[in-house]
Amino acid sequence: MPTYIYETIPKKKGQKPRRFEVVQKMKDKPLKKCPETGEAVQRVITGGCGVVFHGPSIMSMNVPRGRK
């Protein structure tokens, strides 16, 4: 299950939002309130991570090499 980041929506100007993580199923609806304090929250969109492989691919290792 993915971990989502939420942050509280400050009520007063100058107040900093508090971030926290919640493990949820993808089909679950986003939270509207913080489970601990009841404050209004919003889901934070962050950059994901990807896997990058360098070098020859696994598929190319199965192809016999020609003579030089």
N, C-alpha and C. Protein backbone atom coordinates (compact mmCIF):
# COMPACT_ATOMS: atom_id res chain seq x y z
N MET A 1 0.84 -1.17 0.00
CA MET A 1 0.00 0.00 0.00
C MET A 1 0.89 1.25 0.00
N PRO A 2 0.49 2.27 -0.75
CA PRO A 2 1.30 3.49 -0.81
C PRO A 2 1.17 4.34 0.45
N THR A 3 2.18 5.14 0.67
CA THR A 3 2.19 6.10 1.77
C THR A 3 1.93 7.48 1.20
N TYR A 4 0.91 8.15 1.71
CA TYR A 4 0.55 9.49 1.25
C TYR A 4 0.97 10.53 2.28
N ILE A 5 1.36 11.70 1.79
CA ILE A 5 1.74 12.80 2.65
C ILE A 5 0.59 13.80 2.69
N TYR A 6 0.22 14.20 3.88
CA TYR A 6 -0.81 15.19 4.09
C TYR A 6 -0.22 16.35 4.87
N GLU A 7 -0.83 17.53 4.73
CA GLU A 7 -0.44 18.66 5.57
C GLU A 7 -1.68 19.39 6.02
N THR A 8 -1.59 19.93 7.23
CA THR A 8 -2.72 20.68 7.78
C THR A 8 -2.85 22.01 7.05
N ILE A 9 -4.07 22.52 7.00
CA ILE A 9 -4.34 23.81 6.39
C ILE A 9 -4.39 24.83 7.53
N PRO A 10 -3.40 25.76 7.57
CA PRO A 10 -3.36 26.72 8.68
C PRO A 10 -4.60 27.63 8.71
N LYS A 11 -5.10 27.89 9.91
CA LYS A 11 -6.26 28.77 10.07
C LYS A 11 -5.84 30.22 10.19
N LYS A 12 -4.66 30.44 10.79
CA LYS A 12 -4.18 31.80 11.02
C LYS A 12 -3.02 32.11 10.08
N LYS A 13 -2.93 33.38 9.68
CA LYS A 13 -1.83 33.81 8.82
C LYS A 13 -0.52 33.69 9.59
N GLY A 14 0.50 33.16 8.93
CA GLY A 14 1.80 33.00 9.57
C GLY A 14 1.98 31.65 10.26
N GLN A 15 0.91 30.92 10.44
CA GLN A 15 0.99 29.60 11.07
C GLN A 15 1.52 28.60 10.04
N LYS A 16 2.44 27.75 10.45
CA LYS A 16 3.05 26.79 9.53
C LYS A 16 2.21 25.50 9.51
N PRO A 17 2.08 24.90 8.31
CA PRO A 17 1.36 23.63 8.22
C PRO A 17 2.22 22.50 8.80
N ARG A 18 1.55 21.49 9.31
CA ARG A 18 2.23 20.32 9.86
C ARG A 18 2.02 19.17 8.89
N ARG A 19 3.09 18.48 8.52
CA ARG A 19 3.01 17.35 7.58
C ARG A 19 3.06 16.03 8.33
N PHE A 20 2.34 15.05 7.78
CA PHE A 20 2.38 13.70 8.33
C PHE A 20 2.08 12.71 7.21
N GLU A 21 2.42 11.47 7.44
CA GLU A 21 2.25 10.41 6.44
C GLU A 21 1.17 9.44 6.89
N VAL A 22 0.42 8.93 5.91
CA VAL A 22 -0.63 7.95 6.18
C VAL A 22 -0.52 6.85 5.13
N VAL A 23 -0.57 5.60 5.57
CA VAL A 23 -0.58 4.46 4.65
C VAL A 23 -2.04 4.17 4.33
N GLN A 24 -2.39 4.26 3.04
CA GLN A 24 -3.76 4.03 2.60
C GLN A 24 -3.77 3.18 1.34
N LYS A 25 -4.90 2.57 1.08
CA LYS A 25 -5.08 1.88 -0.19
C LYS A 25 -5.30 2.93 -1.27
N MET A 26 -4.99 2.61 -2.51
CA MET A 26 -5.16 3.55 -3.60
C MET A 26 -6.63 3.90 -3.83
N LYS A 27 -7.52 2.97 -3.52
CA LYS A 27 -8.94 3.23 -3.74
C LYS A 27 -9.58 4.02 -2.59
N ASP A 28 -8.88 4.20 -1.49
CA ASP A 28 -9.41 4.99 -0.38
C ASP A 28 -9.50 6.46 -0.77
N LYS A 29 -10.52 7.14 -0.27
CA LYS A 29 -10.67 8.57 -0.53
C LYS A 29 -9.66 9.35 0.30
N PRO A 30 -9.20 10.50 -0.20
CA PRO A 30 -8.26 11.31 0.58
C PRO A 30 -8.88 11.78 1.90
N LEU A 31 -8.03 11.93 2.90
CA LEU A 31 -8.50 12.41 4.19
C LEU A 31 -8.94 13.86 4.09
N LYS A 32 -9.94 14.24 4.87
CA LYS A 32 -10.39 15.63 4.96
C LYS A 32 -9.92 16.26 6.27
N LYS A 33 -9.76 15.40 7.31
CA LYS A 33 -9.35 15.88 8.63
C LYS A 33 -8.21 15.04 9.16
N CYS A 34 -7.38 15.65 10.00
CA CYS A 34 -6.27 14.94 10.64
C CYS A 34 -6.85 13.94 11.64
N PRO A 35 -6.41 12.68 11.61
CA PRO A 35 -6.94 11.69 12.54
C PRO A 35 -6.64 12.00 14.00
N GLU A 36 -5.56 12.73 14.28
CA GLU A 36 -5.17 13.03 15.66
C GLU A 36 -5.84 14.29 16.21
N THR A 37 -5.83 15.37 15.40
CA THR A 37 -6.29 16.67 15.91
C THR A 37 -7.62 17.13 15.34
N GLY A 38 -8.06 16.56 14.23
CA GLY A 38 -9.30 16.98 13.61
C GLY A 38 -9.18 18.21 12.73
N GLU A 39 -7.95 18.71 12.54
CA GLU A 39 -7.72 19.87 11.68
C GLU A 39 -7.96 19.49 10.22
N ALA A 40 -8.32 20.48 9.41
CA ALA A 40 -8.50 20.25 7.98
C ALA A 40 -7.14 19.96 7.34
N VAL A 41 -7.11 19.00 6.42
CA VAL A 41 -5.85 18.62 5.77
C VAL A 41 -6.04 18.54 4.26
N GLN A 42 -4.91 18.56 3.55
CA GLN A 42 -4.91 18.35 2.11
C GLN A 42 -3.77 17.41 1.77
N ARG A 43 -3.96 16.63 0.72
CA ARG A 43 -2.92 15.70 0.28
C ARG A 43 -1.86 16.48 -0.48
N VAL A 44 -0.60 16.18 -0.21
CA VAL A 44 0.52 16.86 -0.85
C VAL A 44 0.99 16.01 -2.02
N ILE A 45 1.08 16.64 -3.18
CA ILE A 45 1.57 15.94 -4.37
C ILE A 45 3.09 16.09 -4.39
N THR A 46 3.79 14.98 -4.38
CA THR A 46 5.25 15.00 -4.40
C THR A 46 5.76 14.27 -5.62
N GLY A 47 7.00 14.50 -5.94
CA GLY A 47 7.62 13.78 -7.05
C GLY A 47 7.85 12.34 -6.66
N GLY A 48 7.54 11.46 -7.55
CA GLY A 48 7.75 10.05 -7.28
C GLY A 48 9.20 9.66 -7.53
N CYS A 49 9.48 8.42 -7.37
CA CYS A 49 10.83 7.95 -7.65
C CYS A 49 10.72 6.89 -8.74
N GLY A 50 11.70 6.84 -9.55
CA GLY A 50 11.72 5.86 -10.62
C GLY A 50 13.00 5.07 -10.55
N VAL A 51 13.01 3.97 -11.22
CA VAL A 51 14.19 3.12 -11.26
C VAL A 51 14.86 3.31 -12.61
N VAL A 52 16.12 3.65 -12.59
CA VAL A 52 16.88 3.85 -13.82
C VAL A 52 18.02 2.86 -13.83
N PHE A 53 18.07 2.04 -14.88
CA PHE A 53 19.14 1.08 -15.03
C PHE A 53 20.13 1.60 -16.05
N HIS A 54 21.40 1.49 -15.76
CA HIS A 54 22.43 1.90 -16.69
C HIS A 54 23.12 0.65 -17.24
N GLY A 55 23.60 0.75 -18.43
CA GLY A 55 24.30 -0.38 -19.02
C GLY A 55 23.38 -1.20 -19.90
N PRO A 56 23.85 -2.35 -20.33
CA PRO A 56 23.05 -3.17 -21.24
C PRO A 56 21.81 -3.74 -20.54
N SER A 57 20.76 -3.88 -21.31
CA SER A 57 19.54 -4.43 -20.72
C SER A 57 19.66 -5.94 -20.58
N ILE A 58 18.79 -6.51 -19.82
CA ILE A 58 18.78 -7.96 -19.62
C ILE A 58 18.45 -8.66 -20.93
N MET A 59 17.56 -8.06 -21.72
CA MET A 59 17.17 -8.67 -22.99
C MET A 59 18.35 -8.75 -23.96
N SER A 60 19.22 -7.75 -23.96
CA SER A 60 20.34 -7.77 -24.89
C SER A 60 21.39 -8.81 -24.49
N MET A 61 21.36 -9.27 -23.27
CA MET A 61 22.33 -10.28 -22.83
C MET A 61 21.96 -11.65 -23.37
N ASN A 62 20.72 -11.85 -23.82
CA ASN A 62 20.27 -13.13 -24.34
C ASN A 62 20.57 -13.29 -25.83
N VAL A 63 20.99 -12.22 -26.48
CA VAL A 63 21.26 -12.26 -27.92
C VAL A 63 22.72 -12.64 -28.14
N PRO A 64 22.97 -13.67 -28.96
CA PRO A 64 24.35 -14.05 -29.19
C PRO A 64 25.09 -12.95 -29.96
N ARG A 65 26.33 -12.72 -29.61
CA ARG A 65 27.12 -11.68 -30.25
C ARG A 65 27.74 -12.22 -31.55
N GLY A 66 27.86 -11.33 -32.53
CA GLY A 66 28.46 -11.71 -33.80
C GLY A 66 29.97 -11.77 -33.68
N ARG A 67 30.63 -12.37 -34.69
CA ARG A 67 32.09 -12.47 -34.69
C ARG A 67 32.68 -11.14 -35.08
N LYS A 68 33.81 -10.82 -34.55
CA LYS A 68 34.51 -9.57 -34.86
C LYS A 68 35.54 -9.78 -35.91
